[in-house]
Amino acid sequence: MDFQLLAKGIALAGCAIGAGCALIAGIGPGIGEGNAVAKALEAIGRQPECKGDVTSTMLLGCAIAETTCNRNVSAD
C-alpha cells in the first residue's frame, strides 16, 4: 500500500470537510438576514410611520449578522 497516496487522500478529505463547514457557516446568516429584511418590510407595510426606526434596527441587526458570518468563515 502506498502511504503517500493515502496521506494525500486524507488531506483532500479534510479539505472537503473544512469547505463544507465554511459553506454551512456562510448560509445561516444569509437566511437570517433575509428573514429580518422580510419582517422589517412587513412592519413598514403595516405602520409606515415607523419606517426610520425599523430600518435602522434592521440595518444594525444585518451588520451584526454579517460580521458574525465573516468571523465564522475566516476562523475555519
PDB file of N, CA and C in Angstrom:
ATOM      1  N   MET A   1       0.845  -1.175   0.000  1.00  0.00           N
ATOM      2  CA  MET A   1       0.000   0.000   0.000  1.00  0.00           C
ATOM      3  C   MET A   1       0.892   1.240   0.000  1.00  0.00           C
ATOM      4  N   ASP A   2       0.512   2.185  -0.826  1.00  0.00           N
ATOM      5  CA  ASP A   2       1.280   3.414  -0.938  1.00  0.00           C
ATOM      6  C   ASP A   2       0.772   4.427   0.089  1.00  0.00           C
ATOM      7  N   PHE A   3       1.568   4.658   1.133  1.00  0.00           N
ATOM      8  CA  PHE A   3       1.138   5.538   2.218  1.00  0.00           C
ATOM      9  C   PHE A   3       1.104   7.002   1.794  1.00  0.00           C
ATOM     10  N   GLN A   4       1.893   7.366   0.817  1.00  0.00           N
ATOM     11  CA  GLN A   4       1.875   8.745   0.336  1.00  0.00           C
ATOM     12  C   GLN A   4       0.537   9.045  -0.353  1.00  0.00           C
ATOM     13  N   LEU A   5       0.035   8.097  -1.093  1.00  0.00           N
ATOM     14  CA  LEU A   5      -1.261   8.257  -1.748  1.00  0.00           C
ATOM     15  C   LEU A   5      -2.372   8.317  -0.704  1.00  0.00           C
ATOM     16  N   LEU A   6      -2.268   7.492   0.316  1.00  0.00           N
ATOM     17  CA  LEU A   6      -3.243   7.502   1.396  1.00  0.00           C
ATOM     18  C   LEU A   6      -3.230   8.849   2.130  1.00  0.00           C
ATOM     19  N   ALA A   7      -2.048   9.398   2.375  1.00  0.00           N
ATOM     20  CA  ALA A   7      -1.927  10.683   3.060  1.00  0.00           C
ATOM     21  C   ALA A   7      -2.554  11.801   2.223  1.00  0.00           C
ATOM     22  N   LYS A   8      -2.361  11.767   0.909  1.00  0.00           N
ATOM     23  CA  LYS A   8      -2.976  12.770   0.037  1.00  0.00           C
ATOM     24  C   LYS A   8      -4.498  12.651   0.063  1.00  0.00           C
ATOM     25  N   GLY A   9      -4.990  11.434   0.096  1.00  0.00           N
ATOM     26  CA  GLY A   9      -6.436  11.214   0.153  1.00  0.00           C
ATOM     27  C   GLY A   9      -7.033  11.742   1.442  1.00  0.00           C
ATOM     28  N   ILE A  10      -6.353  11.507   2.551  1.00  0.00           N
ATOM     29  CA  ILE A  10      -6.828  12.005   3.843  1.00  0.00           C
ATOM     30  C   ILE A  10      -6.801  13.531   3.859  1.00  0.00           C
ATOM     31  N   ALA A  11      -5.749  14.129   3.311  1.00  0.00           N
ATOM     32  CA  ALA A  11      -5.653  15.592   3.257  1.00  0.00           C
ATOM     33  C   ALA A  11      -6.774  16.184   2.406  1.00  0.00           C
ATOM     34  N   LEU A  12      -7.069  15.559   1.274  1.00  0.00           N
ATOM     35  CA  LEU A  12      -8.152  16.046   0.420  1.00  0.00           C
ATOM     36  C   LEU A  12      -9.503  15.897   1.111  1.00  0.00           C
ATOM     37  N   ALA A  13      -9.691  14.819   1.848  1.00  0.00           N
ATOM     38  CA  ALA A  13     -10.940  14.633   2.583  1.00  0.00           C
ATOM     39  C   ALA A  13     -11.087  15.716   3.651  1.00  0.00           C
ATOM     40  N   GLY A  14      -9.995  16.034   4.335  1.00  0.00           N
ATOM     41  CA  GLY A  14     -10.033  17.101   5.335  1.00  0.00           C
ATOM     42  C   GLY A  14     -10.368  18.448   4.714  1.00  0.00           C
ATOM     43  N   CYS A  15      -9.816  18.704   3.541  1.00  0.00           N
ATOM     44  CA  CYS A  15     -10.124  19.958   2.831  1.00  0.00           C
ATOM     45  C   CYS A  15     -11.605  20.019   2.461  1.00  0.00           C
ATOM     46  N   ALA A  16     -12.161  18.915   2.014  1.00  0.00           N
ATOM     47  CA  ALA A  16     -13.575  18.883   1.642  1.00  0.00           C
ATOM     48  C   ALA A  16     -14.465  19.097   2.857  1.00  0.00           C
ATOM     49  N   ILE A  17     -14.114  18.496   3.974  1.00  0.00           N
ATOM     50  CA  ILE A  17     -14.895  18.681   5.196  1.00  0.00           C
ATOM     51  C   ILE A  17     -14.824  20.135   5.657  1.00  0.00           C
ATOM     52  N   GLY A  18     -13.640  20.729   5.618  1.00  0.00           N
ATOM     53  CA  GLY A  18     -13.484  22.134   6.004  1.00  0.00           C
ATOM     54  C   GLY A  18     -14.263  23.067   5.099  1.00  0.00           C
ATOM     55  N   ALA A  19     -14.257  22.797   3.807  1.00  0.00           N
ATOM     56  CA  ALA A  19     -15.021  23.634   2.875  1.00  0.00           C
ATOM     57  C   ALA A  19     -16.514  23.504   3.132  1.00  0.00           C
ATOM     58  N   GLY A  20     -16.971  22.312   3.457  1.00  0.00           N
ATOM     59  CA  GLY A  20     -18.385  22.108   3.780  1.00  0.00           C
ATOM     60  C   GLY A  20     -18.792  22.864   5.032  1.00  0.00           C
ATOM     61  N   CYS A  21     -17.936  22.843   6.046  1.00  0.00           N
ATOM     62  CA  CYS A  21     -18.225  23.588   7.282  1.00  0.00           C
ATOM     63  C   CYS A  21     -18.274  25.086   7.019  1.00  0.00           C
ATOM     64  N   ALA A  22     -17.375  25.589   6.194  1.00  0.00           N
ATOM     65  CA  ALA A  22     -17.377  27.014   5.862  1.00  0.00           C
ATOM     66  C   ALA A  22     -18.639  27.389   5.094  1.00  0.00           C
ATOM     67  N   LEU A  23     -19.101  26.505   4.228  1.00  0.00           N
ATOM     68  CA  LEU A  23     -20.315  26.768   3.468  1.00  0.00           C
ATOM     69  C   LEU A  23     -21.523  26.849   4.389  1.00  0.00           C
ATOM     70  N   ILE A  24     -21.605  25.929   5.337  1.00  0.00           N
ATOM     71  CA  ILE A  24     -22.715  25.933   6.289  1.00  0.00           C
ATOM     72  C   ILE A  24     -22.669  27.200   7.141  1.00  0.00           C
ATOM     73  N   ALA A  25     -21.475  27.606   7.560  1.00  0.00           N
ATOM     74  CA  ALA A  25     -21.336  28.810   8.385  1.00  0.00           C
ATOM     75  C   ALA A  25     -21.735  30.063   7.611  1.00  0.00           C
ATOM     76  N   GLY A  26     -21.621  30.044   6.301  1.00  0.00           N
ATOM     77  CA  GLY A  26     -21.993  31.199   5.493  1.00  0.00           C
ATOM     78  C   GLY A  26     -23.464  31.234   5.123  1.00  0.00           C
ATOM     79  N   ILE A  27     -24.125  30.096   5.109  1.00  0.00           N
ATOM     80  CA  ILE A  27     -25.531  30.045   4.703  1.00  0.00           C
ATOM     81  C   ILE A  27     -26.455  30.546   5.809  1.00  0.00           C
ATOM     82  N   GLY A  28     -26.153  30.193   7.050  1.00  0.00           N
ATOM     83  CA  GLY A  28     -27.030  30.538   8.167  1.00  0.00           C
ATOM     84  C   GLY A  28     -27.297  32.033   8.307  1.00  0.00           C
ATOM     85  N   PRO A  29     -26.259  32.862   8.366  1.00  0.00           N
ATOM     86  CA  PRO A  29     -26.516  34.305   8.476  1.00  0.00           C
ATOM     87  C   PRO A  29     -27.240  34.883   7.260  1.00  0.00           C
ATOM     88  N   GLY A  30     -27.019  34.310   6.099  1.00  0.00           N
ATOM     89  CA  GLY A  30     -27.727  34.792   4.911  1.00  0.00           C
ATOM     90  C   GLY A  30     -29.227  34.555   5.012  1.00  0.00           C
ATOM     91  N   ILE A  31     -29.602  33.391   5.520  1.00  0.00           N
ATOM     92  CA  ILE A  31     -31.028  33.098   5.720  1.00  0.00           C
ATOM     93  C   ILE A  31     -31.603  34.025   6.790  1.00  0.00           C
ATOM     94  N   GLY A  32     -30.839  34.221   7.865  1.00  0.00           N
ATOM     95  CA  GLY A  32     -31.302  35.100   8.938  1.00  0.00           C
ATOM     96  C   GLY A  32     -31.488  36.534   8.476  1.00  0.00           C
ATOM     97  N   GLU A  33     -30.565  37.027   7.681  1.00  0.00           N
ATOM     98  CA  GLU A  33     -30.691  38.395   7.158  1.00  0.00           C
ATOM     99  C   GLU A  33     -31.901  38.516   6.245  1.00  0.00           C
ATOM    100  N   GLY A  34     -32.139  37.511   5.436  1.00  0.00           N
ATOM    101  CA  GLY A  34     -33.315  37.529   4.564  1.00  0.00           C
ATOM    102  C   GLY A  34     -34.607  37.577   5.351  1.00  0.00           C
ATOM    103  N   ASN A  35     -34.676  36.781   6.428  1.00  0.00           N
ATOM    104  CA  ASN A  35     -35.867  36.797   7.280  1.00  0.00           C
ATOM    105  C   ASN A  35     -36.035  38.153   7.968  1.00  0.00           C
ATOM    106  N   ALA A  36     -34.930  38.739   8.422  1.00  0.00           N
ATOM    107  CA  ALA A  36     -35.002  40.041   9.095  1.00  0.00           C
ATOM    108  C   ALA A  36     -35.516  41.119   8.147  1.00  0.00           C
ATOM    109  N   VAL A  37     -35.031  41.120   6.927  1.00  0.00           N
ATOM    110  CA  VAL A  37     -35.483  42.118   5.952  1.00  0.00           C
ATOM    111  C   VAL A  37     -36.958  41.899   5.618  1.00  0.00           C
ATOM    112  N   ALA A  38     -37.372  40.645   5.476  1.00  0.00           N
ATOM    113  CA  ALA A  38     -38.780  40.362   5.173  1.00  0.00           C
ATOM    114  C   ALA A  38     -39.683  40.865   6.290  1.00  0.00           C
ATOM    115  N   LYS A  39     -39.315  40.609   7.534  1.00  0.00           N
ATOM    116  CA  LYS A  39     -40.132  41.066   8.661  1.00  0.00           C
ATOM    117  C   LYS A  39     -40.126  42.587   8.783  1.00  0.00           C
ATOM    118  N   ALA A  40     -38.985  43.207   8.469  1.00  0.00           N
ATOM    119  CA  ALA A  40     -38.929  44.671   8.509  1.00  0.00           C
ATOM    120  C   ALA A  40     -39.850  45.272   7.450  1.00  0.00           C
ATOM    121  N   LEU A  41     -39.867  44.689   6.274  1.00  0.00           N
ATOM    122  CA  LEU A  41     -40.757  45.193   5.222  1.00  0.00           C
ATOM    123  C   LEU A  41     -42.218  44.996   5.597  1.00  0.00           C
ATOM    124  N   GLU A  42     -42.537  43.885   6.263  1.00  0.00           N
ATOM    125  CA  GLU A  42     -43.904  43.675   6.732  1.00  0.00           C
ATOM    126  C   GLU A  42     -44.290  44.748   7.760  1.00  0.00           C
ATOM    127  N   ALA A  43     -43.366  45.030   8.680  1.00  0.00           N
ATOM    128  CA  ALA A  43     -43.649  46.035   9.713  1.00  0.00           C
ATOM    129  C   ALA A  43     -43.841  47.415   9.099  1.00  0.00           C
ATOM    130  N   ILE A  44     -43.015  47.764   8.126  1.00  0.00           N
ATOM    131  CA  ILE A  44     -43.147  49.062   7.459  1.00  0.00           C
ATOM    132  C   ILE A  44     -44.455  49.121   6.673  1.00  0.00           C
ATOM    133  N   GLY A  45     -44.844  47.999   6.079  1.00  0.00           N
ATOM    134  CA  GLY A  45     -46.112  47.956   5.351  1.00  0.00           C
ATOM    135  C   GLY A  45     -47.305  48.157   6.266  1.00  0.00           C
ATOM    136  N   ARG A  46     -47.225  47.624   7.490  1.00  0.00           N
ATOM    137  CA  ARG A  46     -48.317  47.783   8.447  1.00  0.00           C
ATOM    138  C   ARG A  46     -48.336  49.173   9.074  1.00  0.00           C
ATOM    139  N   GLN A  47     -47.156  49.701   9.390  1.00  0.00           N
ATOM    140  CA  GLN A  47     -47.064  51.020  10.032  1.00  0.00           C
ATOM    141  C   GLN A  47     -45.988  51.854   9.334  1.00  0.00           C
ATOM    142  N   PRO A  48     -46.348  52.526   8.265  1.00  0.00           N
ATOM    143  CA  PRO A  48     -45.352  53.296   7.502  1.00  0.00           C
ATOM    144  C   PRO A  48     -44.677  54.406   8.308  1.00  0.00           C
ATOM    145  N   GLU A  49     -45.324  54.900   9.351  1.00  0.00           N
ATOM    146  CA  GLU A  49     -44.736  55.995  10.127  1.00  0.00           C
ATOM    147  C   GLU A  49     -43.520  55.562  10.939  1.00  0.00           C
ATOM    148  N   CYS A  50     -43.326  54.274  11.169  1.00  0.00           N
ATOM    149  CA  CYS A  50     -42.161  53.804  11.943  1.00  0.00           C
ATOM    150  C   CYS A  50     -41.028  53.334  11.026  1.00  0.00           C
ATOM    151  N   LYS A  51     -41.024  53.803   9.790  1.00  0.00           N
ATOM    152  CA  LYS A  51     -40.030  53.361   8.809  1.00  0.00           C
ATOM    153  C   LYS A  51     -38.594  53.607   9.269  1.00  0.00           C
ATOM    154  N   GLY A  52     -38.313  54.774   9.823  1.00  0.00           N
ATOM    155  CA  GLY A  52     -36.944  55.107  10.238  1.00  0.00           C
ATOM    156  C   GLY A  52     -36.440  54.198  11.348  1.00  0.00           C
ATOM    157  N   ASP A  53     -37.279  53.972  12.361  1.00  0.00           N
ATOM    158  CA  ASP A  53     -36.872  53.109  13.478  1.00  0.00           C
ATOM    159  C   ASP A  53     -36.647  51.675  13.028  1.00  0.00           C
ATOM    160  N   VAL A  54     -37.572  51.162  12.225  1.00  0.00           N
ATOM    161  CA  VAL A  54     -37.463  49.774  11.771  1.00  0.00           C
ATOM    162  C   VAL A  54     -36.238  49.598  10.875  1.00  0.00           C
ATOM    163  N   THR A  55     -36.021  50.545   9.980  1.00  0.00           N
ATOM    164  CA  THR A  55     -34.894  50.442   9.054  1.00  0.00           C
ATOM    165  C   THR A  55     -33.558  50.483   9.786  1.00  0.00           C
ATOM    166  N   SER A  56     -33.414  51.399  10.737  1.00  0.00           N
ATOM    167  CA  SER A  56     -32.138  51.483  11.456  1.00  0.00           C
ATOM    168  C   SER A  56     -31.882  50.229  12.292  1.00  0.00           C
ATOM    169  N   THR A  57     -32.915  49.700  12.925  1.00  0.00           N
ATOM    170  CA  THR A  57     -32.754  48.479  13.717  1.00  0.00           C
ATOM    171  C   THR A  57     -32.418  47.291  12.816  1.00  0.00           C
ATOM    172  N   MET A  58     -33.069  47.221  11.660  1.00  0.00           N
ATOM    173  CA  MET A  58     -32.800  46.133  10.727  1.00  0.00           C
ATOM    174  C   MET A  58     -31.363  46.204  10.205  1.00  0.00           C
ATOM    175  N   LEU A  59     -30.900  47.396   9.854  1.00  0.00           N
ATOM    176  CA  LEU A  59     -29.541  47.533   9.341  1.00  0.00           C
ATOM    177  C   LEU A  59     -28.501  47.156  10.398  1.00  0.00           C
ATOM    178  N   LEU A  60     -28.754  47.530  11.638  1.00  0.00           N
ATOM    179  CA  LEU A  60     -27.845  47.159  12.717  1.00  0.00           C
ATOM    180  C   LEU A  60     -27.810  45.644  12.896  1.00  0.00           C
ATOM    181  N   GLY A  61     -28.967  45.014  12.884  1.00  0.00           N
ATOM    182  CA  GLY A  61     -29.029  43.560  13.021  1.00  0.00           C
ATOM    183  C   GLY A  61     -28.346  42.838  11.868  1.00  0.00           C
ATOM    184  N   CYS A  62     -28.548  43.327  10.651  1.00  0.00           N
ATOM    185  CA  CYS A  62     -27.899  42.707   9.490  1.00  0.00           C
ATOM    186  C   CYS A  62     -26.384  42.881   9.538  1.00  0.00           C
ATOM    187  N   ALA A  63     -25.926  44.033  10.023  1.00  0.00           N
ATOM    188  CA  ALA A  63     -24.479  44.262  10.139  1.00  0.00           C
ATOM    189  C   ALA A  63     -23.865  43.308  11.155  1.00  0.00           C
ATOM    190  N   ILE A  64     -24.542  43.094  12.268  1.00  0.00           N
ATOM    191  CA  ILE A  64     -24.028  42.157  13.277  1.00  0.00           C
ATOM    192  C   ILE A  64     -24.013  40.739  12.726  1.00  0.00           C
ATOM    193  N   ALA A  65     -25.074  40.346  12.023  1.00  0.00           N
ATOM    194  CA  ALA A  65     -25.114  39.001  11.441  1.00  0.00           C
ATOM    195  C   ALA A  65     -24.006  38.820  10.404  1.00  0.00           C
ATOM    196  N   GLU A  66     -23.743  39.865   9.630  1.00  0.00           N
ATOM    197  CA  GLU A  66     -22.701  39.779   8.597  1.00  0.00           C
ATOM    198  C   GLU A  66     -21.315  39.654   9.214  1.00  0.00           C
ATOM    199  N   THR A  67     -21.045  40.406  10.269  1.00  0.00           N
ATOM    200  CA  THR A  67     -19.729  40.296  10.901  1.00  0.00           C
ATOM    201  C   THR A  67     -19.558  38.939  11.566  1.00  0.00           C
ATOM    202  N   THR A  68     -20.637  38.391  12.113  1.00  0.00           N
ATOM    203  CA  THR A  68     -20.569  37.049  12.704  1.00  0.00           C
ATOM    204  C   THR A  68     -20.263  36.018  11.619  1.00  0.00           C
ATOM    205  N   CYS A  69     -20.883  36.171  10.470  1.00  0.00           N
ATOM    206  CA  CYS A  69     -20.642  35.244   9.357  1.00  0.00           C
ATOM    207  C   CYS A  69     -19.187  35.326   8.910  1.00  0.00           C
ATOM    208  N   ASN A  70     -18.670  36.538   8.745  1.00  0.00           N
ATOM    209  CA  ASN A  70     -17.296  36.697   8.285  1.00  0.00           C
ATOM    210  C   ASN A  70     -16.317  36.125   9.299  1.00  0.00           C
ATOM    211  N   ARG A  71     -16.601  36.284  10.573  1.00  0.00           N
ATOM    212  CA  ARG A  71     -15.727  35.758  11.612  1.00  0.00           C
ATOM    213  C   ARG A  71     -15.733  34.226  11.595  1.00  0.00           C
ATOM    214  N   ASN A  72     -16.915  33.629  11.408  1.00  0.00           N
ATOM    215  CA  ASN A  72     -17.011  32.168  11.388  1.00  0.00           C
ATOM    216  C   ASN A  72     -16.289  31.585  10.181  1.00  0.00           C
ATOM    217  N   VAL A  73     -16.458  32.196   9.029  1.00  0.00           N
ATOM    218  CA  VAL A  73     -15.846  31.660   7.817  1.00  0.00           C
ATOM    219  C   VAL A  73     -14.331  31.823   7.862  1.00  0.00           C
ATOM    220  N   SER A  74     -13.852  32.963   8.369  1.00  0.00           N
ATOM    221  CA  SER A  74     -12.396  33.176   8.400  1.00  0.00           C
ATOM    222  C   SER A  74     -11.735  32.341   9.491  1.00  0.00           C
ATOM    223  N   ALA A  75     -12.482  31.941  10.514  1.00  0.00           N
ATOM    224  CA  ALA A  75     -11.893  31.132  11.582  1.00  0.00           C
ATOM    225  C   ALA A  75     -11.660  29.700  11.136  1.00  0.00           C
ATOM    226  N   ASP A  76     -12.440  29.239  10.142  1.00  0.00           N
ATOM    227  CA  ASP A  76     -12.272  27.852   9.663  1.00  0.00           C
ATOM    228  C   ASP A  76     -11.076  27.759   8.829  1.00  0.00           C
TER     229      ASP A  76
END
